[in-house]
Amino acid sequence: MVTRAQRKRRRKKIEVKKKEYRFHGKTIEEVKKLSMNELLPLLPSRMRRSLKRGFTKGQQKLFKDVQKAEEGAIIRTHLRDMVILPSFVGHKIAIHNGNEFQEIKIEPNMIGHYLGEFALTRKKVKHTGPGVGATRSSKFMPLK
């Protein structure tokens, strides 16, 4: 007689495939092959308008740096207003948050967002006890 545990071990394991990310119905390889004019209709209106106006000098430099860089290299930038394009996918970009550079690996679901959206400028508030002068009791200073 075969026990329940033995039957369970013999059962075939079902492999769960990771779902391939699609950007508006296109695979990442297809999106990377698109020209800028073909990509614009797929982006949200704010990003579409900023890209239609063209890149600033800083954005042009960042775009060229990303094109030249290898997939593992880290690119440092202060340009938080740069739109993430399909050619950025797979690269590591260190974005300045006003205090330090935050390293972010660009993933396919980030296309069409600004770099600054992924490097938060504010820290979470940590509430502790009241500071000096915050309450009546904190004004009292012992003589010793």
N, C-alpha and C. Protein backbone atom coordinates (compact mmCIF):
# COMPACT_ATOMS: atom_id res chain seq x y z
N MET A 1 0.83 -1.19 0.00
CA MET A 1 0.00 0.00 0.00
C MET A 1 0.88 1.25 0.00
N VAL A 2 0.55 2.18 -0.87
CA VAL A 2 1.33 3.41 -1.02
C VAL A 2 0.72 4.49 -0.12
N THR A 3 1.57 5.14 0.65
CA THR A 3 1.07 6.18 1.55
C THR A 3 0.81 7.48 0.78
N ARG A 4 0.09 8.30 1.44
CA ARG A 4 -0.27 9.60 0.82
C ARG A 4 0.97 10.45 0.54
N ALA A 5 1.92 10.43 1.46
CA ALA A 5 3.16 11.20 1.29
C ALA A 5 3.95 10.72 0.08
N GLN A 6 3.98 9.40 -0.15
CA GLN A 6 4.70 8.86 -1.31
C GLN A 6 4.02 9.26 -2.61
N ARG A 7 2.68 9.22 -2.63
CA ARG A 7 1.96 9.65 -3.82
C ARG A 7 2.23 11.12 -4.11
N LYS A 8 2.30 11.91 -3.07
CA LYS A 8 2.53 13.34 -3.22
C LYS A 8 3.92 13.62 -3.81
N ARG A 9 4.91 12.85 -3.37
CA ARG A 9 6.28 13.03 -3.88
C ARG A 9 6.39 12.65 -5.36
N ARG A 10 5.62 11.65 -5.78
CA ARG A 10 5.68 11.19 -7.16
C ARG A 10 5.01 12.15 -8.13
N ARG A 11 4.08 12.95 -7.61
CA ARG A 11 3.36 13.88 -8.47
C ARG A 11 4.31 14.84 -9.18
N LYS A 12 3.99 15.15 -10.40
CA LYS A 12 4.84 16.07 -11.16
C LYS A 12 4.68 17.48 -10.63
N LYS A 13 5.80 18.15 -10.51
CA LYS A 13 5.78 19.54 -10.08
C LYS A 13 5.44 20.43 -11.27
N ILE A 14 4.52 21.34 -11.07
CA ILE A 14 4.14 22.26 -12.13
C ILE A 14 5.05 23.48 -12.04
N GLU A 15 5.76 23.74 -13.11
CA GLU A 15 6.65 24.90 -13.13
C GLU A 15 5.86 26.13 -13.52
N VAL A 16 5.99 27.16 -12.71
CA VAL A 16 5.30 28.42 -12.98
C VAL A 16 6.26 29.31 -13.75
N LYS A 17 5.90 29.60 -14.98
CA LYS A 17 6.75 30.46 -15.80
C LYS A 17 6.50 31.91 -15.43
N LYS A 18 7.58 32.67 -15.38
CA LYS A 18 7.44 34.09 -15.10
C LYS A 18 6.83 34.76 -16.33
N LYS A 19 5.80 35.53 -16.10
CA LYS A 19 5.10 36.16 -17.20
C LYS A 19 5.99 37.23 -17.84
N GLU A 20 6.10 37.17 -19.15
CA GLU A 20 6.93 38.13 -19.87
C GLU A 20 6.25 39.50 -19.86
N TYR A 21 7.01 40.53 -19.51
CA TYR A 21 6.45 41.88 -19.45
C TYR A 21 6.19 42.40 -20.87
N ARG A 22 5.03 43.00 -21.07
CA ARG A 22 4.69 43.59 -22.36
C ARG A 22 4.37 45.05 -22.14
N PHE A 23 4.91 45.90 -23.01
CA PHE A 23 4.66 47.34 -22.97
C PHE A 23 3.66 47.67 -24.07
N HIS A 24 2.42 47.90 -23.70
CA HIS A 24 1.33 48.17 -24.65
C HIS A 24 1.23 47.08 -25.72
N GLY A 25 1.33 45.82 -25.28
CA GLY A 25 1.16 44.69 -26.18
C GLY A 25 2.40 44.29 -26.96
N LYS A 26 3.52 44.96 -26.72
CA LYS A 26 4.77 44.64 -27.43
C LYS A 26 5.80 44.13 -26.44
N THR A 27 6.64 43.18 -26.88
CA THR A 27 7.71 42.69 -26.03
C THR A 27 8.80 43.76 -25.94
N ILE A 28 9.69 43.59 -24.98
CA ILE A 28 10.76 44.59 -24.78
C ILE A 28 11.67 44.67 -26.01
N GLU A 29 11.95 43.53 -26.63
CA GLU A 29 12.80 43.54 -27.83
C GLU A 29 12.13 44.35 -28.95
N GLU A 30 10.83 44.18 -29.11
CA GLU A 30 10.11 44.94 -30.14
C GLU A 30 10.10 46.44 -29.83
N VAL A 31 9.94 46.78 -28.56
CA VAL A 31 9.91 48.19 -28.15
C VAL A 31 11.28 48.84 -28.35
N LYS A 32 12.35 48.07 -28.07
CA LYS A 32 13.71 48.62 -28.25
C LYS A 32 14.00 48.92 -29.72
N LYS A 33 13.38 48.20 -30.64
CA LYS A 33 13.61 48.40 -32.07
C LYS A 33 12.83 49.60 -32.63
N LEU A 34 11.83 50.08 -31.88
CA LEU A 34 11.01 51.19 -32.36
C LEU A 34 11.82 52.48 -32.44
N SER A 35 11.52 53.31 -33.44
CA SER A 35 12.14 54.63 -33.51
C SER A 35 11.41 55.54 -32.53
N MET A 36 11.95 56.73 -32.31
CA MET A 36 11.35 57.65 -31.35
C MET A 36 9.93 58.03 -31.78
N ASN A 37 9.72 58.26 -33.07
CA ASN A 37 8.39 58.63 -33.56
C ASN A 37 7.37 57.50 -33.39
N GLU A 38 7.81 56.26 -33.48
CA GLU A 38 6.91 55.13 -33.28
C GLU A 38 6.64 54.89 -31.80
N LEU A 39 7.60 55.26 -30.94
CA LEU A 39 7.46 55.06 -29.50
C LEU A 39 6.55 56.11 -28.85
N LEU A 40 6.57 57.34 -29.36
CA LEU A 40 5.84 58.44 -28.74
C LEU A 40 4.35 58.16 -28.51
N PRO A 41 3.61 57.60 -29.47
CA PRO A 41 2.19 57.34 -29.20
C PRO A 41 1.92 56.36 -28.06
N LEU A 42 2.91 55.55 -27.70
CA LEU A 42 2.74 54.57 -26.63
C LEU A 42 2.94 55.17 -25.24
N LEU A 43 3.56 56.36 -25.17
CA LEU A 43 3.87 56.99 -23.89
C LEU A 43 2.74 57.88 -23.42
N PRO A 44 2.68 58.16 -22.11
CA PRO A 44 1.68 59.11 -21.60
C PRO A 44 1.91 60.51 -22.16
N SER A 45 0.87 61.34 -22.14
CA SER A 45 0.92 62.63 -22.81
C SER A 45 2.02 63.55 -22.28
N ARG A 46 2.25 63.58 -20.97
CA ARG A 46 3.28 64.47 -20.40
C ARG A 46 4.66 64.09 -20.94
N MET A 47 4.97 62.81 -20.97
CA MET A 47 6.28 62.35 -21.46
C MET A 47 6.39 62.57 -22.96
N ARG A 48 5.27 62.35 -23.66
CA ARG A 48 5.24 62.54 -25.12
C ARG A 48 5.55 63.99 -25.46
N ARG A 49 4.96 64.93 -24.73
CA ARG A 49 5.18 66.35 -25.01
C ARG A 49 6.63 66.75 -24.72
N SER A 50 7.18 66.26 -23.61
CA SER A 50 8.56 66.65 -23.28
C SER A 50 9.55 66.05 -24.28
N LEU A 51 9.28 64.84 -24.79
CA LEU A 51 10.18 64.24 -25.78
C LEU A 51 10.02 64.88 -27.15
N LYS A 52 8.82 65.36 -27.51
CA LYS A 52 8.62 66.04 -28.79
C LYS A 52 9.43 67.33 -28.86
N ARG A 53 9.60 67.99 -27.73
CA ARG A 53 10.37 69.23 -27.68
C ARG A 53 11.86 68.98 -27.83
N GLY A 54 12.29 67.75 -27.65
CA GLY A 54 13.70 67.41 -27.80
C GLY A 54 14.41 67.38 -26.46
N PHE A 55 15.59 66.78 -26.46
CA PHE A 55 16.39 66.67 -25.25
C PHE A 55 17.15 67.96 -24.98
N THR A 56 17.40 68.24 -23.70
CA THR A 56 18.31 69.33 -23.33
C THR A 56 19.74 68.79 -23.51
N LYS A 57 20.72 69.67 -23.35
CA LYS A 57 22.12 69.22 -23.51
C LYS A 57 22.47 68.12 -22.52
N GLY A 58 22.03 68.29 -21.28
CA GLY A 58 22.30 67.29 -20.25
C GLY A 58 21.63 65.96 -20.56
N GLN A 59 20.40 66.02 -21.04
CA GLN A 59 19.69 64.80 -21.39
C GLN A 59 20.32 64.09 -22.58
N GLN A 60 20.82 64.88 -23.55
CA GLN A 60 21.52 64.28 -24.69
C GLN A 60 22.76 63.55 -24.23
N LYS A 61 23.49 64.16 -23.29
CA LYS A 61 24.71 63.54 -22.77
C LYS A 61 24.38 62.23 -22.04
N LEU A 62 23.34 62.26 -21.20
CA LEU A 62 22.93 61.05 -20.48
C LEU A 62 22.51 59.96 -21.46
N PHE A 63 21.75 60.32 -22.49
CA PHE A 63 21.30 59.36 -23.50
C PHE A 63 22.48 58.70 -24.19
N LYS A 64 23.50 59.51 -24.56
CA LYS A 64 24.70 58.96 -25.21
C LYS A 64 25.49 58.08 -24.25
N ASP A 65 25.57 58.50 -22.97
CA ASP A 65 26.29 57.70 -21.97
C ASP A 65 25.63 56.33 -21.79
N VAL A 66 24.31 56.30 -21.80
CA VAL A 66 23.59 55.03 -21.65
C VAL A 66 23.84 54.15 -22.88
N GLN A 67 23.87 54.76 -24.07
CA GLN A 67 24.12 53.99 -25.29
C GLN A 67 25.52 53.36 -25.27
N LYS A 68 26.52 54.12 -24.76
CA LYS A 68 27.91 53.65 -24.75
C LYS A 68 28.16 52.64 -23.64
N ALA A 69 27.47 52.80 -22.51
CA ALA A 69 27.76 52.00 -21.31
C ALA A 69 27.41 50.53 -21.50
N GLU A 70 28.16 49.70 -20.79
CA GLU A 70 27.87 48.27 -20.77
C GLU A 70 26.73 48.04 -19.78
N GLU A 71 26.12 46.87 -19.83
CA GLU A 71 24.94 46.58 -19.01
C GLU A 71 25.20 46.65 -17.51
N GLY A 72 26.39 46.35 -17.04
CA GLY A 72 26.66 46.36 -15.60
C GLY A 72 27.16 47.68 -15.06
N ALA A 73 27.59 48.58 -15.93
CA ALA A 73 28.20 49.84 -15.50
C ALA A 73 27.17 50.76 -14.85
N ILE A 74 27.62 51.55 -13.88
CA ILE A 74 26.75 52.49 -13.18
C ILE A 74 26.95 53.87 -13.79
N ILE A 75 25.83 54.51 -14.13
CA ILE A 75 25.86 55.86 -14.71
C ILE A 75 25.29 56.81 -13.66
N ARG A 76 26.06 57.83 -13.29
CA ARG A 76 25.61 58.78 -12.28
C ARG A 76 25.01 60.01 -12.96
N THR A 77 23.90 60.51 -12.40
CA THR A 77 23.24 61.66 -12.99
C THR A 77 22.45 62.46 -11.96
N HIS A 78 22.29 63.75 -12.26
CA HIS A 78 21.43 64.63 -11.48
C HIS A 78 20.11 64.86 -12.20
N LEU A 79 19.98 64.32 -13.41
CA LEU A 79 18.81 64.59 -14.25
C LEU A 79 17.61 63.75 -13.82
N ARG A 80 16.83 64.31 -12.90
CA ARG A 80 15.65 63.61 -12.40
C ARG A 80 14.48 63.73 -13.38
N ASP A 81 14.57 64.69 -14.33
CA ASP A 81 13.47 64.93 -15.26
C ASP A 81 13.62 64.18 -16.58
N MET A 82 14.56 63.24 -16.64
CA MET A 82 14.76 62.47 -17.87
C MET A 82 13.74 61.32 -17.93
N VAL A 83 13.09 61.18 -19.07
CA VAL A 83 12.12 60.10 -19.27
C VAL A 83 12.88 58.80 -19.52
N ILE A 84 12.45 57.73 -18.88
CA ILE A 84 13.09 56.42 -19.08
C ILE A 84 12.64 55.86 -20.42
N LEU A 85 13.61 55.58 -21.27
CA LEU A 85 13.36 55.06 -22.62
C LEU A 85 13.71 53.57 -22.66
N PRO A 86 13.23 52.84 -23.66
CA PRO A 86 13.51 51.40 -23.75
C PRO A 86 15.00 51.06 -23.79
N SER A 87 15.83 51.95 -24.33
CA SER A 87 17.27 51.67 -24.39
C SER A 87 17.92 51.69 -23.01
N PHE A 88 17.24 52.24 -21.99
CA PHE A 88 17.78 52.30 -20.63
C PHE A 88 17.61 50.98 -19.88
N VAL A 89 16.73 50.10 -20.37
CA VAL A 89 16.41 48.87 -19.64
C VAL A 89 17.65 48.00 -19.47
N GLY A 90 17.86 47.53 -18.23
CA GLY A 90 19.00 46.68 -17.91
C GLY A 90 20.20 47.44 -17.37
N HIS A 91 20.22 48.76 -17.51
CA HIS A 91 21.33 49.56 -17.02
C HIS A 91 21.11 49.96 -15.57
N LYS A 92 22.22 50.27 -14.87
CA LYS A 92 22.13 50.78 -13.51
C LYS A 92 22.42 52.27 -13.56
N ILE A 93 21.49 53.05 -13.03
CA ILE A 93 21.65 54.50 -13.02
C ILE A 93 21.58 54.98 -11.59
N ALA A 94 22.58 55.78 -11.19
CA ALA A 94 22.60 56.36 -9.84
C ALA A 94 22.01 57.77 -9.96
N ILE A 95 20.84 57.97 -9.36
CA ILE A 95 20.11 59.22 -9.46
C ILE A 95 20.30 60.01 -8.17
N HIS A 96 20.61 61.30 -8.31
CA HIS A 96 20.84 62.14 -7.14
C HIS A 96 19.51 62.54 -6.53
N ASN A 97 19.39 62.37 -5.21
CA ASN A 97 18.14 62.72 -4.54
C ASN A 97 18.27 64.00 -3.71
N GLY A 98 19.32 64.77 -3.92
CA GLY A 98 19.54 65.99 -3.16
C GLY A 98 20.56 65.81 -2.07
N ASN A 99 20.81 64.58 -1.68
CA ASN A 99 21.75 64.29 -0.61
C ASN A 99 22.80 63.28 -1.05
N GLU A 100 22.37 62.26 -1.78
CA GLU A 100 23.27 61.20 -2.22
C GLU A 100 22.75 60.61 -3.53
N PHE A 101 23.52 59.71 -4.10
CA PHE A 101 23.10 59.04 -5.32
C PHE A 101 22.44 57.71 -4.95
N GLN A 102 21.23 57.49 -5.43
CA GLN A 102 20.54 56.22 -5.21
C GLN A 102 20.66 55.38 -6.46
N GLU A 103 21.18 54.17 -6.29
CA GLU A 103 21.39 53.27 -7.42
C GLU A 103 20.10 52.55 -7.77
N ILE A 104 19.70 52.64 -9.02
CA ILE A 104 18.47 52.01 -9.47
C ILE A 104 18.74 51.21 -10.73
N LYS A 105 18.28 49.95 -10.74
CA LYS A 105 18.38 49.13 -11.95
C LYS A 105 17.10 49.35 -12.74
N ILE A 106 17.25 49.77 -13.98
CA ILE A 106 16.10 50.10 -14.82
C ILE A 106 15.46 48.81 -15.32
N GLU A 107 14.17 48.66 -15.05
CA GLU A 107 13.42 47.48 -15.45
C GLU A 107 12.38 47.88 -16.50
N PRO A 108 11.86 46.91 -17.25
CA PRO A 108 10.91 47.24 -18.33
C PRO A 108 9.67 47.99 -17.88
N ASN A 109 9.18 47.73 -16.66
CA ASN A 109 7.96 48.42 -16.23
C ASN A 109 8.20 49.88 -15.86
N MET A 110 9.42 50.36 -15.93
CA MET A 110 9.75 51.76 -15.63
C MET A 110 9.70 52.65 -16.87
N ILE A 111 9.54 52.06 -18.05
CA ILE A 111 9.53 52.83 -19.29
C ILE A 111 8.38 53.84 -19.25
N GLY A 112 8.68 55.08 -19.62
CA GLY A 112 7.65 56.12 -19.65
C GLY A 112 7.53 56.90 -18.37
N HIS A 113 8.34 56.57 -17.35
CA HIS A 113 8.36 57.33 -16.10
C HIS A 113 9.60 58.21 -16.07
N TYR A 114 9.63 59.16 -15.14
CA TYR A 114 10.81 59.98 -14.95
C TYR A 114 11.79 59.27 -14.01
N LEU A 115 13.08 59.56 -14.17
CA LEU A 115 14.08 58.97 -13.28
C LEU A 115 13.83 59.39 -11.83
N GLY A 116 13.42 60.63 -11.63
CA GLY A 116 13.22 61.16 -10.29
C GLY A 116 12.14 60.45 -9.49
N GLU A 117 11.24 59.75 -10.17
CA GLU A 117 10.17 59.03 -9.47
C GLU A 117 10.71 57.87 -8.65
N PHE A 118 11.91 57.40 -8.96
CA PHE A 118 12.46 56.22 -8.30
C PHE A 118 13.55 56.55 -7.30
N ALA A 119 13.90 57.84 -7.16
CA ALA A 119 14.87 58.27 -6.15
C ALA A 119 14.17 59.30 -5.26
N LEU A 120 13.60 58.81 -4.17
CA LEU A 120 12.81 59.67 -3.31
C LEU A 120 13.70 60.70 -2.60
N THR A 121 13.18 61.93 -2.49
CA THR A 121 13.96 63.03 -1.90
C THR A 121 13.71 63.20 -0.42
N ARG A 122 12.64 62.61 0.08
CA ARG A 122 12.30 62.78 1.49
C ARG A 122 12.36 61.45 2.21
N LYS A 123 12.83 61.51 3.46
CA LYS A 123 12.89 60.31 4.28
C LYS A 123 11.59 60.15 5.03
N LYS A 124 11.32 58.94 5.46
CA LYS A 124 10.13 58.68 6.26
C LYS A 124 10.33 59.32 7.64
N VAL A 125 9.29 59.93 8.18
CA VAL A 125 9.37 60.60 9.47
C VAL A 125 9.47 59.57 10.57
N LYS A 126 10.45 59.76 11.47
CA LYS A 126 10.61 58.89 12.63
C LYS A 126 10.25 59.70 13.86
N HIS A 127 9.09 59.43 14.44
CA HIS A 127 8.65 60.17 15.61
C HIS A 127 9.32 59.61 16.85
N THR A 128 9.97 60.49 17.60
CA THR A 128 10.60 60.10 18.87
C THR A 128 10.01 60.99 19.96
N GLY A 129 10.70 61.08 21.07
CA GLY A 129 10.23 61.92 22.18
C GLY A 129 10.31 63.39 21.82
N PRO A 130 9.68 64.25 22.61
CA PRO A 130 9.71 65.68 22.33
C PRO A 130 11.12 66.26 22.49
N GLY A 131 11.42 67.29 21.73
CA GLY A 131 12.73 67.92 21.78
C GLY A 131 12.81 68.93 22.92
N VAL A 132 13.96 69.55 23.07
CA VAL A 132 14.16 70.54 24.12
C VAL A 132 13.29 71.75 23.82
N GLY A 133 12.50 72.20 24.82
CA GLY A 133 11.65 73.37 24.65
C GLY A 133 10.29 73.05 24.06
N ALA A 134 10.02 71.77 23.82
CA ALA A 134 8.75 71.40 23.20
C ALA A 134 7.61 71.37 24.21
N THR A 135 7.95 71.09 25.47
CA THR A 135 6.92 71.01 26.51
C THR A 135 7.33 71.84 27.72
N ARG A 136 6.38 72.07 28.62
CA ARG A 136 6.66 72.84 29.85
C ARG A 136 7.71 72.13 30.70
N SER A 137 7.61 70.82 30.79
CA SER A 137 8.54 70.09 31.67
C SER A 137 9.97 70.12 31.14
N SER A 138 10.16 70.30 29.85
CA SER A 138 11.52 70.31 29.33
C SER A 138 12.23 71.63 29.58
N LYS A 139 11.48 72.64 30.03
CA LYS A 139 12.12 73.94 30.37
C LYS A 139 12.85 73.87 31.69
N PHE A 140 12.40 72.95 32.57
CA PHE A 140 13.03 72.83 33.89
C PHE A 140 14.41 72.20 33.74
N MET A 141 15.42 72.91 34.22
CA MET A 141 16.79 72.40 34.19
C MET A 141 17.24 72.21 35.63
N PRO A 142 17.62 71.02 36.03
CA PRO A 142 18.08 70.82 37.41
C PRO A 142 19.39 71.57 37.66
N LEU A 143 19.58 71.99 38.94
CA LEU A 143 20.76 72.78 39.30
C LEU A 143 22.01 71.92 39.33
N LYS A 144 21.91 70.64 39.62
CA LYS A 144 23.07 69.79 39.70
C LYS A 144 23.46 69.23 38.38
